Structures are given as structure tokens and as C-alpha cells.
Full PDB file with SEQRES, HELIX, SHEET, SSBOND, CRYST1, ORIGX, SCALE, CONECT and MASTER records, all heavy atoms in Angstrom:
SEQRES   1 A   32  SER ASP CYS GLY ARG PRO TYR GLY LEU GLU ALA SER ASN          
SEQRES   2 A   32  LEU THR ALA THR SER PHE ASP VAL THR PHE SER PRO ALA          
SEQRES   3 A   32  VAL PRO THR ASP MET ALA                                      
SHEET    1 AA1 2 TYR A   7  SER A  12  0                                        
SHEET    2 AA1 2 ASP A  20  SER A  24 -1                                        
CRYST1    1.000    1.000    1.000  90.00  90.00  90.00 P 1           1          
ORIGX1      1.000000  0.000000  0.000000        0.00000                         
ORIGX2      0.000000  1.000000  0.000000        0.00000                         
ORIGX3      0.000000  0.000000  1.000000        0.00000                         
SCALE1      1.000000  0.000000  0.000000        0.00000                         
SCALE2      0.000000  1.000000  0.000000        0.00000                         
SCALE3      0.000000  0.000000  1.000000        0.00000                         
ATOM      1  N   SER A   1      11.859  14.900  -7.459  1.00  0.00           N  
ATOM      2  CA  SER A   1      10.437  14.571  -7.492  1.00  0.00           C  
ATOM      3  C   SER A   1       9.874  14.603  -6.074  1.00  0.00           C  
ATOM      4  O   SER A   1      10.539  14.218  -5.122  1.00  0.00           O  
ATOM      5  CB  SER A   1      10.241  13.180  -8.092  1.00  0.00           C  
ATOM      6  OG  SER A   1       8.908  12.766  -7.960  1.00  0.00           O  
ATOM      7  N   ASP A   2       8.638  15.056  -5.963  1.00  0.00           N  
ATOM      8  CA  ASP A   2       7.975  15.002  -4.667  1.00  0.00           C  
ATOM      9  C   ASP A   2       7.172  13.709  -4.538  1.00  0.00           C  
ATOM     10  O   ASP A   2       6.336  13.556  -3.680  1.00  0.00           O  
ATOM     11  CB  ASP A   2       7.087  16.229  -4.448  1.00  0.00           C  
ATOM     12  CG  ASP A   2       5.953  16.309  -5.451  1.00  0.00           C  
ATOM     13  OD1 ASP A   2       5.913  15.500  -6.392  1.00  0.00           O  
ATOM     14  OD2 ASP A   2       5.097  17.192  -5.285  1.00  0.00           O  
ATOM     15  N   CYS A   3       7.458  12.789  -5.412  1.00  0.00           N  
ATOM     16  CA  CYS A   3       6.786  11.497  -5.455  1.00  0.00           C  
ATOM     17  C   CYS A   3       7.565  10.525  -4.569  1.00  0.00           C  
ATOM     18  O   CYS A   3       8.715  10.207  -4.855  1.00  0.00           O  
ATOM     19  CB  CYS A   3       6.768  11.031  -6.901  1.00  0.00           C  
ATOM     20  SG  CYS A   3       6.061   9.430  -7.182  1.00  0.00           S  
ATOM     21  N   GLY A   4       6.961  10.099  -3.490  1.00  0.00           N  
ATOM     22  CA  GLY A   4       7.666   9.237  -2.551  1.00  0.00           C  
ATOM     23  C   GLY A   4       7.222   7.795  -2.611  1.00  0.00           C  
ATOM     24  O   GLY A   4       6.244   7.447  -3.254  1.00  0.00           O  
ATOM     25  N   ARG A   5       7.969   6.958  -1.905  1.00  0.00           N  
ATOM     26  CA  ARG A   5       7.649   5.536  -1.840  1.00  0.00           C  
ATOM     27  C   ARG A   5       6.497   5.293  -0.877  1.00  0.00           C  
ATOM     28  O   ARG A   5       6.474   5.846   0.227  1.00  0.00           O  
ATOM     29  CB  ARG A   5       8.857   4.749  -1.374  1.00  0.00           C  
ATOM     30  CG  ARG A   5       9.943   4.673  -2.425  1.00  0.00           C  
ATOM     31  CD  ARG A   5      11.040   3.766  -1.988  1.00  0.00           C  
ATOM     32  NE  ARG A   5      11.857   4.482  -1.010  1.00  0.00           N  
ATOM     33  CZ  ARG A   5      12.860   3.966  -0.354  1.00  0.00           C  
ATOM     34  NH1 ARG A   5      13.186   2.722  -0.530  1.00  0.00           N  
ATOM     35  NH2 ARG A   5      13.547   4.688   0.504  1.00  0.00           N  
ATOM     36  N   PRO A   6       5.551   4.447  -1.257  1.00  0.00           N  
ATOM     37  CA  PRO A   6       4.483   4.069  -0.325  1.00  0.00           C  
ATOM     38  C   PRO A   6       5.090   3.375   0.897  1.00  0.00           C  
ATOM     39  O   PRO A   6       6.187   2.806   0.822  1.00  0.00           O  
ATOM     40  CB  PRO A   6       3.638   3.079  -1.123  1.00  0.00           C  
ATOM     41  CG  PRO A   6       4.064   3.217  -2.534  1.00  0.00           C  
ATOM     42  CD  PRO A   6       5.435   3.784  -2.541  1.00  0.00           C  
ATOM     43  N   TYR A   7       4.400   3.424   2.011  1.00  0.00           N  
ATOM     44  CA  TYR A   7       4.908   2.791   3.228  1.00  0.00           C  
ATOM     45  C   TYR A   7       3.764   2.101   3.963  1.00  0.00           C  
ATOM     46  O   TYR A   7       2.600   2.251   3.600  1.00  0.00           O  
ATOM     47  CB  TYR A   7       5.595   3.814   4.134  1.00  0.00           C  
ATOM     48  CG  TYR A   7       4.662   4.837   4.730  1.00  0.00           C  
ATOM     49  CD1 TYR A   7       4.113   4.643   5.987  1.00  0.00           C  
ATOM     50  CD2 TYR A   7       4.309   5.984   4.023  1.00  0.00           C  
ATOM     51  CE1 TYR A   7       3.235   5.563   6.532  1.00  0.00           C  
ATOM     52  CE2 TYR A   7       3.431   6.914   4.561  1.00  0.00           C  
ATOM     53  CZ  TYR A   7       2.904   6.700   5.818  1.00  0.00           C  
ATOM     54  OH  TYR A   7       2.023   7.617   6.344  1.00  0.00           O  
ATOM     55  N   GLY A   8       4.104   1.357   4.983  1.00  0.00           N  
ATOM     56  CA  GLY A   8       3.095   0.681   5.806  1.00  0.00           C  
ATOM     57  C   GLY A   8       2.382  -0.436   5.074  1.00  0.00           C  
ATOM     58  O   GLY A   8       1.213  -0.711   5.353  1.00  0.00           O  
ATOM     59  N   LEU A   9       3.059  -1.100   4.167  1.00  0.00           N  
ATOM     60  CA  LEU A   9       2.462  -2.192   3.402  1.00  0.00           C  
ATOM     61  C   LEU A   9       2.064  -3.318   4.345  1.00  0.00           C  
ATOM     62  O   LEU A   9       2.874  -3.788   5.139  1.00  0.00           O  
ATOM     63  CB  LEU A   9       3.486  -2.683   2.383  1.00  0.00           C  
ATOM     64  CG  LEU A   9       3.023  -3.624   1.292  1.00  0.00           C  
ATOM     65  CD1 LEU A   9       2.103  -2.888   0.327  1.00  0.00           C  
ATOM     66  CD2 LEU A   9       4.213  -4.180   0.544  1.00  0.00           C  
ATOM     67  N   GLU A  10       0.794  -3.719   4.282  1.00  0.00           N  
ATOM     68  CA  GLU A  10       0.291  -4.781   5.165  1.00  0.00           C  
ATOM     69  C   GLU A  10      -0.563  -5.761   4.391  1.00  0.00           C  
ATOM     70  O   GLU A  10      -1.347  -5.359   3.529  1.00  0.00           O  
ATOM     71  CB  GLU A  10      -0.557  -4.189   6.286  1.00  0.00           C  
ATOM     72  CG  GLU A  10       0.230  -3.379   7.284  1.00  0.00           C  
ATOM     73  CD  GLU A  10      -0.614  -2.937   8.467  1.00  0.00           C  
ATOM     74  OE1 GLU A  10      -1.619  -3.604   8.791  1.00  0.00           O  
ATOM     75  OE2 GLU A  10      -0.262  -1.911   9.058  1.00  0.00           O  
ATOM     76  N   ALA A  11      -0.416  -7.031   4.696  1.00  0.00           N  
ATOM     77  CA  ALA A  11      -1.252  -8.083   4.122  1.00  0.00           C  
ATOM     78  C   ALA A  11      -2.227  -8.558   5.189  1.00  0.00           C  
ATOM     79  O   ALA A  11      -1.880  -8.659   6.363  1.00  0.00           O  
ATOM     80  CB  ALA A  11      -0.393  -9.239   3.642  1.00  0.00           C  
ATOM     81  N   SER A  12      -3.464  -8.835   4.767  1.00  0.00           N  
ATOM     82  CA  SER A  12      -4.483  -9.329   5.698  1.00  0.00           C  
ATOM     83  C   SER A  12      -5.426 -10.278   4.962  1.00  0.00           C  
ATOM     84  O   SER A  12      -5.345 -10.426   3.743  1.00  0.00           O  
ATOM     85  CB  SER A  12      -5.267  -8.159   6.303  1.00  0.00           C  
ATOM     86  OG  SER A  12      -5.937  -7.439   5.294  1.00  0.00           O  
ATOM     87  N   ASN A  13      -6.315 -10.896   5.703  1.00  0.00           N  
ATOM     88  CA  ASN A  13      -7.301 -11.830   5.142  1.00  0.00           C  
ATOM     89  C   ASN A  13      -6.634 -12.902   4.281  1.00  0.00           C  
ATOM     90  O   ASN A  13      -7.086 -13.209   3.185  1.00  0.00           O  
ATOM     91  CB  ASN A  13      -8.380 -11.085   4.351  1.00  0.00           C  
ATOM     92  CG  ASN A  13      -9.127 -10.099   5.210  1.00  0.00           C  
ATOM     93  OD1 ASN A  13      -9.429 -10.367   6.374  1.00  0.00           O  
ATOM     94  ND2 ASN A  13      -9.397  -8.933   4.653  1.00  0.00           N  
ATOM     95  N   LEU A  14      -5.558 -13.471   4.814  1.00  0.00           N  
ATOM     96  CA  LEU A  14      -4.807 -14.478   4.068  1.00  0.00           C  
ATOM     97  C   LEU A  14      -5.575 -15.784   3.955  1.00  0.00           C  
ATOM     98  O   LEU A  14      -6.101 -16.300   4.953  1.00  0.00           O  
ATOM     99  CB  LEU A  14      -3.467 -14.731   4.769  1.00  0.00           C  
ATOM    100  CG  LEU A  14      -2.569 -13.509   4.797  1.00  0.00           C  
ATOM    101  CD1 LEU A  14      -2.139 -13.197   6.203  1.00  0.00           C  
ATOM    102  CD2 LEU A  14      -1.386 -13.727   3.909  1.00  0.00           C  
ATOM    103  N   THR A  15      -5.635 -16.308   2.740  1.00  0.00           N  
ATOM    104  CA  THR A  15      -6.178 -17.651   2.498  1.00  0.00           C  
ATOM    105  C   THR A  15      -5.103 -18.424   1.735  1.00  0.00           C  
ATOM    106  O   THR A  15      -4.035 -17.892   1.449  1.00  0.00           O  
ATOM    107  CB  THR A  15      -7.485 -17.615   1.675  1.00  0.00           C  
ATOM    108  OG1 THR A  15      -7.178 -17.265   0.324  1.00  0.00           O  
ATOM    109  CG2 THR A  15      -8.497 -16.632   2.267  1.00  0.00           C  
ATOM    110  N   ALA A  16      -5.402 -19.643   1.349  1.00  0.00           N  
ATOM    111  CA  ALA A  16      -4.430 -20.451   0.603  1.00  0.00           C  
ATOM    112  C   ALA A  16      -4.149 -19.866  -0.777  1.00  0.00           C  
ATOM    113  O   ALA A  16      -3.075 -20.089  -1.341  1.00  0.00           O  
ATOM    114  CB  ALA A  16      -4.931 -21.885   0.467  1.00  0.00           C  
ATOM    115  N   THR A  17      -5.095 -19.078  -1.329  1.00  0.00           N  
ATOM    116  CA  THR A  17      -4.930 -18.599  -2.706  1.00  0.00           C  
ATOM    117  C   THR A  17      -5.129 -17.094  -2.882  1.00  0.00           C  
ATOM    118  O   THR A  17      -5.153 -16.603  -4.015  1.00  0.00           O  
ATOM    119  CB  THR A  17      -5.908 -19.325  -3.645  1.00  0.00           C  
ATOM    120  OG1 THR A  17      -7.253 -19.082  -3.189  1.00  0.00           O  
ATOM    121  CG2 THR A  17      -5.633 -20.821  -3.690  1.00  0.00           C  
ATOM    122  N   SER A  18      -5.275 -16.346  -1.774  1.00  0.00           N  
ATOM    123  CA  SER A  18      -5.495 -14.906  -1.913  1.00  0.00           C  
ATOM    124  C   SER A  18      -5.127 -14.165  -0.630  1.00  0.00           C  
ATOM    125  O   SER A  18      -4.975 -14.770   0.426  1.00  0.00           O  
ATOM    126  CB  SER A  18      -6.956 -14.612  -2.261  1.00  0.00           C  
ATOM    127  OG  SER A  18      -7.794 -14.917  -1.167  1.00  0.00           O  
ATOM    128  N   PHE A  19      -4.999 -12.851  -0.741  1.00  0.00           N  
ATOM    129  CA  PHE A  19      -4.839 -11.976   0.419  1.00  0.00           C  
ATOM    130  C   PHE A  19      -5.130 -10.545   0.008  1.00  0.00           C  
ATOM    131  O   PHE A  19      -5.131 -10.198  -1.173  1.00  0.00           O  
ATOM    132  CB  PHE A  19      -3.450 -12.104   1.061  1.00  0.00           C  
ATOM    133  CG  PHE A  19      -2.289 -11.790   0.163  1.00  0.00           C  
ATOM    134  CD1 PHE A  19      -1.778 -10.504   0.070  1.00  0.00           C  
ATOM    135  CD2 PHE A  19      -1.686 -12.793  -0.578  1.00  0.00           C  
ATOM    136  CE1 PHE A  19      -0.693 -10.223  -0.743  1.00  0.00           C  
ATOM    137  CE2 PHE A  19      -0.598 -12.524  -1.394  1.00  0.00           C  
ATOM    138  CZ  PHE A  19      -0.103 -11.227  -1.483  1.00  0.00           C  
ATOM    139  N   ASP A  20      -5.416  -9.707   0.996  1.00  0.00           N  
ATOM    140  CA  ASP A  20      -5.657  -8.279   0.775  1.00  0.00           C  
ATOM    141  C   ASP A  20      -4.397  -7.513   1.152  1.00  0.00           C  
ATOM    142  O   ASP A  20      -3.675  -7.895   2.064  1.00  0.00           O  
ATOM    143  CB  ASP A  20      -6.811  -7.771   1.638  1.00  0.00           C  
ATOM    144  CG  ASP A  20      -8.139  -8.403   1.272  1.00  0.00           C  
ATOM    145  OD1 ASP A  20      -8.322  -8.807   0.107  1.00  0.00           O  
ATOM    146  OD2 ASP A  20      -8.999  -8.512   2.165  1.00  0.00           O  
ATOM    147  N   VAL A  21      -4.150  -6.397   0.454  1.00  0.00           N  
ATOM    148  CA  VAL A  21      -2.992  -5.552   0.727  1.00  0.00           C  
ATOM    149  C   VAL A  21      -3.462  -4.119   0.913  1.00  0.00           C  
ATOM    150  O   VAL A  21      -4.323  -3.639   0.171  1.00  0.00           O  
ATOM    151  CB  VAL A  21      -1.969  -5.605  -0.435  1.00  0.00           C  
ATOM    152  CG1 VAL A  21      -0.804  -4.648  -0.186  1.00  0.00           C  
ATOM    153  CG2 VAL A  21      -1.476  -7.020  -0.649  1.00  0.00           C  
ATOM    154  N   THR A  22      -2.929  -3.448   1.918  1.00  0.00           N  
ATOM    155  CA  THR A  22      -3.151  -2.014   2.112  1.00  0.00           C  
ATOM    156  C   THR A  22      -1.794  -1.343   2.310  1.00  0.00           C  
ATOM    157  O   THR A  22      -0.829  -1.982   2.713  1.00  0.00           O  
ATOM    158  CB  THR A  22      -4.040  -1.719   3.333  1.00  0.00           C  
ATOM    159  OG1 THR A  22      -3.424  -2.273   4.504  1.00  0.00           O  
ATOM    160  CG2 THR A  22      -5.439  -2.291   3.167  1.00  0.00           C  
ATOM    161  N   PHE A  23      -1.729  -0.047   1.993  1.00  0.00           N  
ATOM    162  CA  PHE A  23      -0.512   0.731   2.191  1.00  0.00           C  
ATOM    163  C   PHE A  23      -0.889   2.193   2.325  1.00  0.00           C  
ATOM    164  O   PHE A  23      -2.032   2.584   2.080  1.00  0.00           O  
ATOM    165  CB  PHE A  23       0.485   0.517   1.036  1.00  0.00           C  
ATOM    166  CG  PHE A  23      -0.035   0.948  -0.301  1.00  0.00           C  
ATOM    167  CD1 PHE A  23       0.192   2.226  -0.780  1.00  0.00           C  
ATOM    168  CD2 PHE A  23      -0.756   0.075  -1.098  1.00  0.00           C  
ATOM    169  CE1 PHE A  23      -0.292   2.632  -2.013  1.00  0.00           C  
ATOM    170  CE2 PHE A  23      -1.248   0.463  -2.327  1.00  0.00           C  
ATOM    171  CZ  PHE A  23      -1.009   1.749  -2.787  1.00  0.00           C  
ATOM    172  N   SER A  24       0.076   3.006   2.719  1.00  0.00           N  
ATOM    173  CA  SER A  24      -0.136   4.448   2.848  1.00  0.00           C  
ATOM    174  C   SER A  24       0.690   5.176   1.797  1.00  0.00           C  
ATOM    175  O   SER A  24       1.842   4.799   1.545  1.00  0.00           O  
ATOM    176  CB  SER A  24       0.295   4.925   4.241  1.00  0.00           C  
ATOM    177  OG  SER A  24      -0.515   4.329   5.226  1.00  0.00           O  
ATOM    178  N   PRO A  25       0.117   6.240   1.216  1.00  0.00           N  
ATOM    179  CA  PRO A  25       0.893   7.026   0.252  1.00  0.00           C  
ATOM    180  C   PRO A  25       1.938   7.858   0.986  1.00  0.00           C  
ATOM    181  O   PRO A  25       1.713   8.314   2.100  1.00  0.00           O  
ATOM    182  CB  PRO A  25      -0.150   7.914  -0.420  1.00  0.00           C  
ATOM    183  CG  PRO A  25      -1.265   8.004   0.568  1.00  0.00           C  
ATOM    184  CD  PRO A  25      -1.247   6.731   1.361  1.00  0.00           C  
ATOM    185  N   ALA A  26       3.082   8.063   0.352  1.00  0.00           N  
ATOM    186  CA  ALA A  26       4.145   8.866   0.959  1.00  0.00           C  
ATOM    187  C   ALA A  26       3.770  10.335   1.001  1.00  0.00           C  
ATOM    188  O   ALA A  26       4.128  11.051   1.926  1.00  0.00           O  
ATOM    189  CB  ALA A  26       5.443   8.683   0.181  1.00  0.00           C  
ATOM    190  N   VAL A  27       3.040  10.769  -0.014  1.00  0.00           N  
ATOM    191  CA  VAL A  27       2.629  12.165  -0.145  1.00  0.00           C  
ATOM    192  C   VAL A  27       1.111  12.167  -0.309  1.00  0.00           C  
ATOM    193  O   VAL A  27       0.585  11.402  -1.124  1.00  0.00           O  
ATOM    194  CB  VAL A  27       3.308  12.817  -1.376  1.00  0.00           C  
ATOM    195  CG1 VAL A  27       2.873  14.250  -1.558  1.00  0.00           C  
ATOM    196  CG2 VAL A  27       4.820  12.720  -1.265  1.00  0.00           C  
ATOM    197  N   PRO A  28       0.378  12.994   0.440  1.00  0.00           N  
ATOM    198  CA  PRO A  28      -1.083  12.970   0.360  1.00  0.00           C  
ATOM    199  C   PRO A  28      -1.642  13.196  -1.046  1.00  0.00           C  
ATOM    200  O   PRO A  28      -2.729  12.727  -1.354  1.00  0.00           O  
ATOM    201  CB  PRO A  28      -1.517  14.099   1.295  1.00  0.00           C  
ATOM    202  CG  PRO A  28      -0.379  14.271   2.240  1.00  0.00           C  
ATOM    203  CD  PRO A  28       0.858  13.930   1.461  1.00  0.00           C  
ATOM    204  N   THR A  29      -0.895  13.858  -1.911  1.00  0.00           N  
ATOM    205  CA  THR A  29      -1.394  14.113  -3.264  1.00  0.00           C  
ATOM    206  C   THR A  29      -1.109  12.973  -4.235  1.00  0.00           C  
ATOM    207  O   THR A  29      -1.544  13.021  -5.383  1.00  0.00           O  
ATOM    208  CB  THR A  29      -0.783  15.420  -3.821  1.00  0.00           C  
ATOM    209  OG1 THR A  29       0.642  15.311  -3.772  1.00  0.00           O  
ATOM    210  CG2 THR A  29      -1.248  16.619  -3.024  1.00  0.00           C  
ATOM    211  N   ASP A  30      -0.382  11.936  -3.804  1.00  0.00           N  
ATOM    212  CA  ASP A  30      -0.157  10.773  -4.675  1.00  0.00           C  
ATOM    213  C   ASP A  30      -1.502  10.108  -4.955  1.00  0.00           C  
ATOM    214  O   ASP A  30      -2.295   9.883  -4.044  1.00  0.00           O  
ATOM    215  CB  ASP A  30       0.784   9.758  -4.013  1.00  0.00           C  
ATOM    216  CG  ASP A  30       2.222  10.239  -3.943  1.00  0.00           C  
ATOM    217  OD1 ASP A  30       2.564  11.199  -4.654  1.00  0.00           O  
ATOM    218  OD2 ASP A  30       2.994   9.643  -3.170  1.00  0.00           O  
ATOM    219  N   MET A  31      -1.746   9.803  -6.229  1.00  0.00           N  
ATOM    220  CA  MET A  31      -3.041   9.243  -6.618  1.00  0.00           C  
ATOM    221  C   MET A  31      -2.937   7.997  -7.493  1.00  0.00           C  
ATOM    222  O   MET A  31      -3.954   7.450  -7.906  1.00  0.00           O  
ATOM    223  CB  MET A  31      -3.853  10.303  -7.373  1.00  0.00           C  
ATOM    224  CG  MET A  31      -4.105  11.572  -6.578  1.00  0.00           C  
ATOM    225  SD  MET A  31      -5.020  11.300  -5.062  1.00  0.00           S  
ATOM    226  CE  MET A  31      -6.641  10.989  -5.690  1.00  0.00           C  
ATOM    227  N   ALA A  32      -1.721   7.549  -7.824  1.00  0.00           N  
ATOM    228  CA  ALA A  32      -1.582   6.403  -8.725  1.00  0.00           C  
ATOM    229  C   ALA A  32      -0.390   5.554  -8.286  1.00  0.00           C  
ATOM    230  O   ALA A  32       0.658   6.085  -7.925  1.00  0.00           O  
ATOM    231  CB  ALA A  32      -1.401   6.881 -10.154  1.00  0.00           C  
TER     232      ALA A  32                                                      
MASTER        0    0    0    0    2    0    0    6  231    1    0    3          
END                                                                             
């Protein structure tokens, strides 16, 4: 498969009950 693992997982805007997450796709054509 040309389907790779996401990388660069980062958490930000941390509160006591929530946070935001961002990451990068392994392959530019990954969409889900």
C-alpha cells in the first residue's frame, strides 16, 4: 500500500477538558 502513517502529531491549546490536534499526512494524496 502507498498509504502511510501520519506523522508530526502535535497537541495545542490545552485546557482542563479539551485540546487541538494537528498532524501531517504521510502521502500528499491521503485524504481520510
